[in-house]
Amino acid sequence: MRRRRSEFEALADLVPKVLKDLGLDAPAGVLRIVDRWEEAVGPEIAAHCRPVSLRDGRLEASVDSSVWCQQLQLQLPQILEALREVFGDEAPTQLWFRVGSAT
């Protein structure tokens, strides 16, 4: 009896599954966000803040000063909405800022 060939799966659908199986989905997710960060948040915010990690839908971002950290905290709903516009269903659902190096 001959085996039926299975349907081909698109590489774009396969890669995220493989990354998840290898435990690399979070690093890959944050790299996608880093790549389009300035597009999502704008150049002014991107100059003072950068994403550093993503876990369970929570994005952690490093901010270059406590003043900017407070300012971004006030803009949190708008930033999350901008991320949803750019990343759709793959956007983080939470955002946490910490003072550190943003470069």
Protein backbone atom coordinates (compact mmCIF):
# COMPACT_ATOMS: atom_id res chain seq x y z
CA MET A 1 0.00 0.00 0.00
CA ARG A 2 1.34 3.40 -1.00
CA ARG A 3 1.48 6.28 1.39
CA ARG A 4 -0.30 9.46 0.34
CA ARG A 5 1.77 12.53 0.11
CA SER A 6 0.71 15.03 2.69
CA GLU A 7 -0.16 18.56 1.74
CA PHE A 8 2.75 20.94 1.62
CA GLU A 9 2.80 23.47 4.39
CA ALA A 10 3.85 27.04 3.73
CA LEU A 11 7.24 27.87 5.19
CA ALA A 12 5.78 30.99 6.82
CA ASP A 13 3.39 28.72 8.75
CA LEU A 14 6.00 26.09 9.56
CA VAL A 15 8.79 28.28 10.94
CA PRO A 16 6.83 29.62 13.95
CA LYS A 17 5.85 26.05 14.90
CA VAL A 18 9.44 24.87 14.74
CA LEU A 19 10.66 27.86 16.75
CA LYS A 20 8.05 27.16 19.41
CA ASP A 21 9.02 23.48 19.56
CA LEU A 22 12.65 24.56 20.08
CA GLY A 23 11.70 27.13 22.72
CA LEU A 24 12.85 29.99 20.49
CA ASP A 25 9.49 31.62 19.82
CA ALA A 26 9.97 34.42 22.40
CA PRO A 27 13.39 35.52 21.06
CA ALA A 28 12.05 35.41 17.51
CA GLY A 29 9.00 37.44 18.59
CA VAL A 30 11.07 40.18 20.18
CA LEU A 31 13.29 40.33 17.08
CA ARG A 32 10.23 40.93 14.91
CA ILE A 33 9.22 43.77 17.25
CA VAL A 34 12.75 45.23 17.30
CA ASP A 35 12.78 45.22 13.52
CA ARG A 36 9.63 47.38 13.29
CA TRP A 37 9.81 49.19 16.65
CA GLU A 38 10.37 52.68 15.24
CA GLU A 39 7.56 52.16 12.73
CA ALA A 40 5.20 51.25 15.56
CA VAL A 41 6.14 53.83 18.20
CA GLY A 42 7.68 56.62 16.15
CA PRO A 43 11.24 57.98 16.04
CA GLU A 44 11.07 60.05 19.23
CA ILE A 45 10.05 57.14 21.47
CA ALA A 46 12.38 54.76 19.62
CA ALA A 47 15.30 57.10 20.36
CA HIS A 48 14.73 56.67 24.12
CA CYS A 49 13.27 53.18 24.43
CA ARG A 50 13.91 49.75 22.92
CA PRO A 51 12.30 46.33 23.36
CA VAL A 52 14.48 43.77 25.14
CA SER A 53 12.35 40.71 25.88
CA LEU A 54 8.97 39.15 25.22
CA ARG A 55 7.33 36.48 27.33
CA ASP A 56 3.72 35.36 27.43
CA GLY A 57 2.55 38.46 25.58
CA ARG A 58 4.40 40.85 27.88
CA LEU A 59 7.01 43.04 26.24
CA GLU A 60 9.76 44.49 28.40
CA ALA A 61 11.38 47.67 27.12
CA SER A 62 14.50 49.45 28.30
CA VAL A 63 14.25 53.24 28.65
CA ASP A 64 17.21 55.61 28.86
CA SER A 65 15.96 57.75 31.78
CA SER A 66 13.44 57.76 34.59
CA VAL A 67 11.78 60.85 33.09
CA TRP A 68 11.17 59.02 29.79
CA CYS A 69 10.05 55.94 31.70
CA GLN A 70 7.36 57.97 33.45
CA GLN A 71 6.35 59.68 30.19
CA LEU A 72 6.01 56.35 28.40
CA GLN A 73 4.00 54.91 31.27
CA LEU A 74 1.48 57.71 30.70
CA GLN A 75 1.35 56.83 26.98
CA LEU A 76 1.02 53.08 27.59
CA PRO A 77 -2.49 52.64 26.08
CA GLN A 78 -1.51 54.52 22.92
CA ILE A 79 1.72 52.54 22.54
CA LEU A 80 -0.08 49.21 22.94
CA GLU A 81 -2.62 50.32 20.32
CA ALA A 82 0.18 51.32 17.93
CA LEU A 83 1.78 47.89 18.42
CA ARG A 84 -1.58 46.22 17.66
CA GLU A 85 -1.87 48.24 14.46
CA VAL A 86 1.55 47.09 13.27
CA PHE A 87 1.63 43.51 14.60
CA GLY A 88 -2.04 42.55 14.71
CA ASP A 89 -2.70 39.36 16.70
CA GLU A 90 1.02 38.95 17.36
CA ALA A 91 1.24 42.26 19.24
CA PRO A 92 2.15 42.17 22.92
CA THR A 93 -0.79 42.56 25.28
CA GLN A 94 1.24 44.10 28.09
CA LEU A 95 4.20 46.45 28.18
CA TRP A 96 6.61 46.97 31.03
CA PHE A 97 9.23 49.73 31.07
CA ARG A 98 12.45 49.67 33.04
CA VAL A 99 15.23 52.22 33.23
CA GLY A 100 18.39 50.98 31.55
CA SER A 101 20.32 51.49 28.37
CA ALA A 102 18.08 52.15 25.37
CA THR A 103 20.89 52.06 22.84
